[in-house]
């Protein structure tokens, strides 16, 4: 299976340079279909004019982003200039606490293919 993931340009660049190797999302119906060995296609926003392909290497499940964040270095998740508290606030702008409670969250460890 292939899954498209849109990334802002600064985050895309961290994936491109190899520092970011974990993508985190709410574990909704779309993400629940992911399996080890599947392909992620990262597209660079705003124009989706650049892509990176990656293979899913590992899937780790957590109740909330708060329970996930201490298990990873920040640059593996997002950008090293962000503190864990800043990252948690940002994630809650994308996914509410109710969504996290309903679905849980998934940490997708990946390896770039190109």
Protein backbone atom coordinates (compact mmCIF):
# COMPACT_ATOMS: atom_id res chain seq x y z
CA UNK A 1 0.00 0.00 0.00
CA UNK A 2 1.08 3.57 -0.62
CA UNK A 3 0.06 6.49 1.58
CA UNK A 4 0.49 10.15 0.69
CA UNK A 5 1.54 12.51 3.47
CA UNK A 6 1.70 16.27 2.91
CA UNK A 7 4.48 18.12 4.77
CA UNK A 8 5.24 21.80 5.15
CA UNK A 9 8.48 22.74 3.41
CA UNK A 10 10.60 23.06 6.57
CA UNK A 11 9.55 19.60 7.79
CA UNK A 12 9.94 18.14 4.28
CA UNK A 13 13.54 19.41 4.23
CA UNK A 14 14.30 17.65 7.53
CA UNK A 15 13.01 14.40 6.04
CA UNK A 16 15.05 15.04 2.89
CA UNK A 17 18.29 15.57 4.84
CA UNK A 18 17.70 12.36 6.78
CA UNK A 19 17.25 13.76 10.29
CA UNK A 20 13.51 13.14 10.55
CA UNK A 21 12.63 9.44 10.39
CA UNK A 22 9.44 9.30 12.43
CA UNK A 23 6.08 10.64 11.29
CA UNK A 24 3.29 10.91 13.87
CA UNK A 25 -0.42 11.09 13.25
CA UNK A 26 -3.70 10.26 14.93
CA UNK A 27 -4.27 6.55 14.35
CA UNK A 28 -7.51 7.04 12.44
CA UNK A 29 -9.03 4.64 9.91
CA UNK A 30 -6.56 5.70 7.20
CA UNK A 31 -3.47 5.10 9.38
CA UNK A 32 -4.82 1.81 10.74
CA UNK A 33 -4.36 0.34 7.25
CA UNK A 34 -0.58 0.92 7.36
CA UNK A 35 1.68 -2.09 7.65
CA UNK A 36 5.43 -2.56 7.88
CA UNK A 37 6.84 -2.53 4.36
CA UNK A 38 4.24 -0.09 3.00
CA UNK A 39 5.37 3.01 1.12
CA UNK A 40 4.96 6.58 2.32
CA UNK A 41 4.99 9.34 -0.28
CA UNK A 42 5.87 12.67 1.31
CA UNK A 43 4.81 15.68 -0.75
CA UNK A 44 6.22 19.17 -0.18
CA UNK A 45 3.61 21.85 0.46
CA UNK A 46 2.30 24.16 -0.77
CA UNK A 47 2.56 22.93 -4.37
CA UNK A 48 3.24 19.19 -3.86
CA UNK A 49 6.02 19.69 -6.40
CA UNK A 50 8.64 17.53 -4.72
CA UNK A 51 8.34 14.03 -3.27
CA UNK A 52 10.24 11.62 -1.08
CA UNK A 53 9.41 7.93 -0.94
CA UNK A 54 9.99 5.96 2.23
CA UNK A 55 9.35 2.48 3.55
CA UNK A 56 7.49 1.91 6.82
CA UNK A 57 9.92 0.16 9.15
CA UNK A 58 8.06 0.21 12.48
CA UNK A 59 4.69 1.25 13.91
CA UNK A 60 4.42 2.24 17.59
CA UNK A 61 1.09 3.06 19.18
CA UNK A 62 0.38 5.46 22.05
CA UNK A 63 -2.69 6.87 23.77
CA UNK A 64 -1.72 10.51 23.17
CA UNK A 65 1.05 12.64 21.72
CA UNK A 66 2.03 13.47 25.28
CA UNK A 67 2.75 9.78 25.97
CA UNK A 68 4.71 9.52 22.71
CA UNK A 69 6.91 12.62 22.82
CA UNK A 70 9.43 11.51 25.45
CA UNK A 71 10.41 8.43 23.43
CA UNK A 72 11.99 10.37 20.54
CA UNK A 73 14.46 13.17 19.87
CA UNK A 74 12.62 16.23 18.54
CA UNK A 75 14.39 16.33 15.16
CA UNK A 76 13.24 12.75 14.52
CA UNK A 77 9.64 13.94 15.00
CA UNK A 78 9.59 17.49 13.69
CA UNK A 79 12.32 20.09 13.98
CA UNK A 80 15.09 20.25 16.55
CA UNK A 81 14.41 23.94 17.22
CA UNK A 82 11.05 23.07 18.82
CA UNK A 83 10.73 22.13 22.47
CA UNK A 84 8.53 19.19 23.40
CA UNK A 85 5.93 21.58 24.85
CA UNK A 86 5.87 23.66 21.65
CA UNK A 87 5.48 20.50 19.60
CA UNK A 88 2.63 19.23 21.78
CA UNK A 89 0.81 22.57 21.41
CA UNK A 90 1.29 22.39 17.64
CA UNK A 91 0.01 18.83 17.44
CA UNK A 92 -3.10 19.79 19.39
CA UNK A 93 -3.84 22.42 16.74
CA UNK A 94 -3.96 19.58 14.20
CA UNK A 95 -5.54 16.91 16.41
CA UNK A 96 -7.71 17.69 19.43
CA UNK A 97 -7.43 15.83 22.73
CA UNK A 98 -10.80 14.26 21.92
CA UNK A 99 -9.45 12.92 18.61
CA UNK A 100 -6.37 11.57 20.39
CA UNK A 101 -8.58 9.89 22.98
CA UNK A 102 -10.85 8.42 20.30
CA UNK A 103 -8.15 7.11 17.94
CA UNK A 104 -4.86 7.04 19.83
CA UNK A 105 -1.73 8.05 17.95
CA UNK A 106 0.85 6.23 15.85
CA UNK A 107 4.58 6.83 15.43
CA UNK A 108 5.61 5.65 11.97
CA UNK A 109 9.34 4.98 11.72
CA UNK A 110 10.45 5.06 8.11
CA UNK A 111 13.51 4.71 5.87
CA UNK A 112 13.94 6.94 2.85
CA UNK A 113 14.01 5.14 -0.49
CA UNK A 114 15.22 8.05 -2.66
